Amino acid sequence: MMNRIFLTAYQGPMGAVKSSDIGASLRLMGKGMLGIFIVMLLIFLVIVILNKLSGRKK
């Protein structure tokens, strides 16, 4: 009950905060985190491929 009152009555510096705004910001944050994960995975794959192509010197 406290959370419901907080989300409906919160007045931020830019105005009232709606629960739909919180949901939209969480979706946007999720997309950003997914993008970061994909870029990290691509960098890892490029490093693995370059290591395989260059071979190891003895």
N, C-alpha and C. Protein backbone atom coordinates (compact mmCIF):
# COMPACT_ATOMS: atom_id res chain seq x y z
N MET A 1 0.83 -1.19 0.00
CA MET A 1 0.00 0.00 0.00
C MET A 1 0.87 1.25 0.00
N MET A 2 1.98 1.20 0.71
CA MET A 2 2.87 2.35 0.76
C MET A 2 3.45 2.66 -0.63
N ASN A 3 3.81 1.58 -1.39
CA ASN A 3 4.36 1.79 -2.73
C ASN A 3 3.34 2.44 -3.66
N ARG A 4 2.10 2.03 -3.55
CA ARG A 4 1.05 2.59 -4.41
C ARG A 4 0.88 4.08 -4.11
N ILE A 5 0.89 4.45 -2.87
CA ILE A 5 0.76 5.86 -2.50
C ILE A 5 1.98 6.63 -2.98
N PHE A 6 3.18 6.04 -2.86
CA PHE A 6 4.40 6.71 -3.27
C PHE A 6 4.41 6.97 -4.77
N LEU A 7 3.99 5.95 -5.56
CA LEU A 7 4.03 6.10 -7.01
C LEU A 7 2.97 7.07 -7.53
N THR A 8 1.88 7.19 -6.85
CA THR A 8 0.83 8.09 -7.35
C THR A 8 1.00 9.50 -6.82
N ALA A 9 1.68 9.66 -5.70
CA ALA A 9 1.76 10.97 -5.09
C ALA A 9 3.14 11.61 -5.22
N TYR A 10 4.07 10.95 -5.89
CA TYR A 10 5.43 11.49 -5.96
C TYR A 10 5.47 12.69 -6.91
N GLN A 11 6.05 13.76 -6.43
CA GLN A 11 6.21 14.97 -7.22
C GLN A 11 7.71 15.20 -7.41
N GLY A 12 8.21 14.91 -8.59
CA GLY A 12 9.63 15.08 -8.88
C GLY A 12 9.94 16.52 -9.25
N PRO A 13 11.20 16.83 -9.48
CA PRO A 13 11.59 18.19 -9.84
C PRO A 13 11.00 18.65 -11.17
N MET A 14 10.69 17.70 -12.07
CA MET A 14 10.12 18.04 -13.38
C MET A 14 8.60 17.90 -13.41
N GLY A 15 7.99 17.52 -12.31
CA GLY A 15 6.55 17.34 -12.26
C GLY A 15 6.18 15.99 -11.69
N ALA A 16 4.91 15.67 -11.81
CA ALA A 16 4.40 14.41 -11.26
C ALA A 16 4.98 13.22 -12.02
N VAL A 17 5.28 12.15 -11.29
CA VAL A 17 5.81 10.93 -11.87
C VAL A 17 4.68 9.91 -11.93
N LYS A 18 4.43 9.39 -13.14
CA LYS A 18 3.38 8.39 -13.33
C LYS A 18 4.01 7.00 -13.41
N SER A 19 3.23 5.99 -13.10
CA SER A 19 3.76 4.63 -13.16
C SER A 19 4.09 4.24 -14.60
N SER A 20 3.40 4.81 -15.59
CA SER A 20 3.73 4.52 -16.99
C SER A 20 5.12 5.07 -17.34
N ASP A 21 5.49 6.20 -16.73
CA ASP A 21 6.83 6.76 -16.95
C ASP A 21 7.89 5.83 -16.39
N ILE A 22 7.63 5.23 -15.25
CA ILE A 22 8.59 4.31 -14.64
C ILE A 22 8.74 3.07 -15.52
N GLY A 23 7.63 2.55 -16.02
CA GLY A 23 7.69 1.39 -16.91
C GLY A 23 8.45 1.69 -18.19
N ALA A 24 8.23 2.87 -18.76
CA ALA A 24 8.94 3.25 -19.98
C ALA A 24 10.43 3.39 -19.72
N SER A 25 10.79 3.95 -18.59
CA SER A 25 12.22 4.11 -18.28
C SER A 25 12.88 2.76 -18.04
N LEU A 26 12.18 1.82 -17.44
CA LEU A 26 12.75 0.48 -17.23
C LEU A 26 12.93 -0.25 -18.56
N ARG A 27 11.99 -0.09 -19.49
CA ARG A 27 12.14 -0.70 -20.81
C ARG A 27 13.34 -0.10 -21.54
N LEU A 28 13.51 1.21 -21.47
CA LEU A 28 14.63 1.87 -22.11
C LEU A 28 15.95 1.42 -21.49
N MET A 29 15.99 1.30 -20.18
CA MET A 29 17.19 0.83 -19.50
C MET A 29 17.51 -0.60 -19.92
N GLY A 30 16.50 -1.44 -20.04
CA GLY A 30 16.71 -2.82 -20.47
C GLY A 30 17.30 -2.90 -21.88
N LYS A 31 16.80 -2.05 -22.78
CA LYS A 31 17.35 -2.02 -24.14
C LYS A 31 18.80 -1.58 -24.13
N GLY A 32 19.13 -0.61 -23.30
CA GLY A 32 20.51 -0.15 -23.20
C GLY A 32 21.43 -1.22 -22.66
N MET A 33 20.98 -1.94 -21.65
CA MET A 33 21.80 -3.01 -21.08
C MET A 33 21.98 -4.15 -22.08
N LEU A 34 20.92 -4.46 -22.85
CA LEU A 34 21.03 -5.49 -23.88
C LEU A 34 22.03 -5.06 -24.95
N GLY A 35 22.00 -3.79 -25.33
CA GLY A 35 22.95 -3.29 -26.32
C GLY A 35 24.38 -3.40 -25.83
N ILE A 36 24.62 -3.06 -24.58
CA ILE A 36 25.97 -3.17 -24.01
C ILE A 36 26.42 -4.63 -24.01
N PHE A 37 25.53 -5.55 -23.64
CA PHE A 37 25.87 -6.97 -23.63
C PHE A 37 26.22 -7.46 -25.03
N ILE A 38 25.45 -7.04 -26.04
CA ILE A 38 25.71 -7.47 -27.42
C ILE A 38 27.07 -6.95 -27.89
N VAL A 39 27.38 -5.69 -27.59
CA VAL A 39 28.68 -5.13 -28.00
C VAL A 39 29.82 -5.87 -27.31
N MET A 40 29.67 -6.18 -26.05
CA MET A 40 30.72 -6.92 -25.33
C MET A 40 30.91 -8.31 -25.95
N LEU A 41 29.82 -8.95 -26.32
CA LEU A 41 29.89 -10.27 -26.95
C LEU A 41 30.59 -10.18 -28.30
N LEU A 42 30.28 -9.16 -29.08
CA LEU A 42 30.93 -8.99 -30.38
C LEU A 42 32.43 -8.75 -30.23
N ILE A 43 32.83 -7.92 -29.27
CA ILE A 43 34.25 -7.68 -29.02
C ILE A 43 34.95 -8.97 -28.62
N PHE A 44 34.31 -9.76 -27.77
CA PHE A 44 34.88 -11.05 -27.35
C PHE A 44 35.06 -11.97 -28.55
N LEU A 45 34.04 -12.04 -29.42
CA LEU A 45 34.14 -12.92 -30.59
C LEU A 45 35.23 -12.47 -31.55
N VAL A 46 35.39 -11.17 -31.74
CA VAL A 46 36.46 -10.66 -32.60
C VAL A 46 37.82 -11.03 -32.03
N ILE A 47 37.99 -10.92 -30.74
CA ILE A 47 39.26 -11.28 -30.11
C ILE A 47 39.55 -12.77 -30.28
N VAL A 48 38.54 -13.61 -30.09
CA VAL A 48 38.72 -15.06 -30.25
C VAL A 48 39.09 -15.38 -31.69
N ILE A 49 38.41 -14.78 -32.65
CA ILE A 49 38.69 -15.05 -34.07
C ILE A 49 40.10 -14.58 -34.44
N LEU A 50 40.49 -13.39 -33.97
CA LEU A 50 41.84 -12.90 -34.27
C LEU A 50 42.91 -13.79 -33.64
N ASN A 51 42.66 -14.30 -32.45
CA ASN A 51 43.62 -15.22 -31.82
C ASN A 51 43.76 -16.51 -32.61
N LYS A 52 42.67 -17.02 -33.15
CA LYS A 52 42.71 -18.25 -33.92
C LYS A 52 43.40 -18.03 -35.27
N LEU A 53 43.17 -16.89 -35.89
CA LEU A 53 43.77 -16.61 -37.18
C LEU A 53 45.27 -16.33 -37.09
N SER A 54 45.68 -15.66 -36.06
CA SER A 54 47.10 -15.29 -35.94
C SER A 54 47.96 -16.45 -35.48
N GLY A 55 47.39 -17.39 -34.78
CA GLY A 55 48.16 -18.52 -34.29
C GLY A 55 49.09 -18.12 -33.16
N ARG A 56 49.67 -19.10 -32.52
CA ARG A 56 50.59 -18.84 -31.41
C ARG A 56 52.02 -19.07 -31.87
N LYS A 57 52.88 -18.15 -31.52
CA LYS A 57 54.29 -18.30 -31.87
C LYS A 57 55.00 -19.06 -30.75
N LYS A 58 55.86 -19.99 -31.15
CA LYS A 58 56.58 -20.78 -30.15
C LYS A 58 57.98 -20.26 -29.97
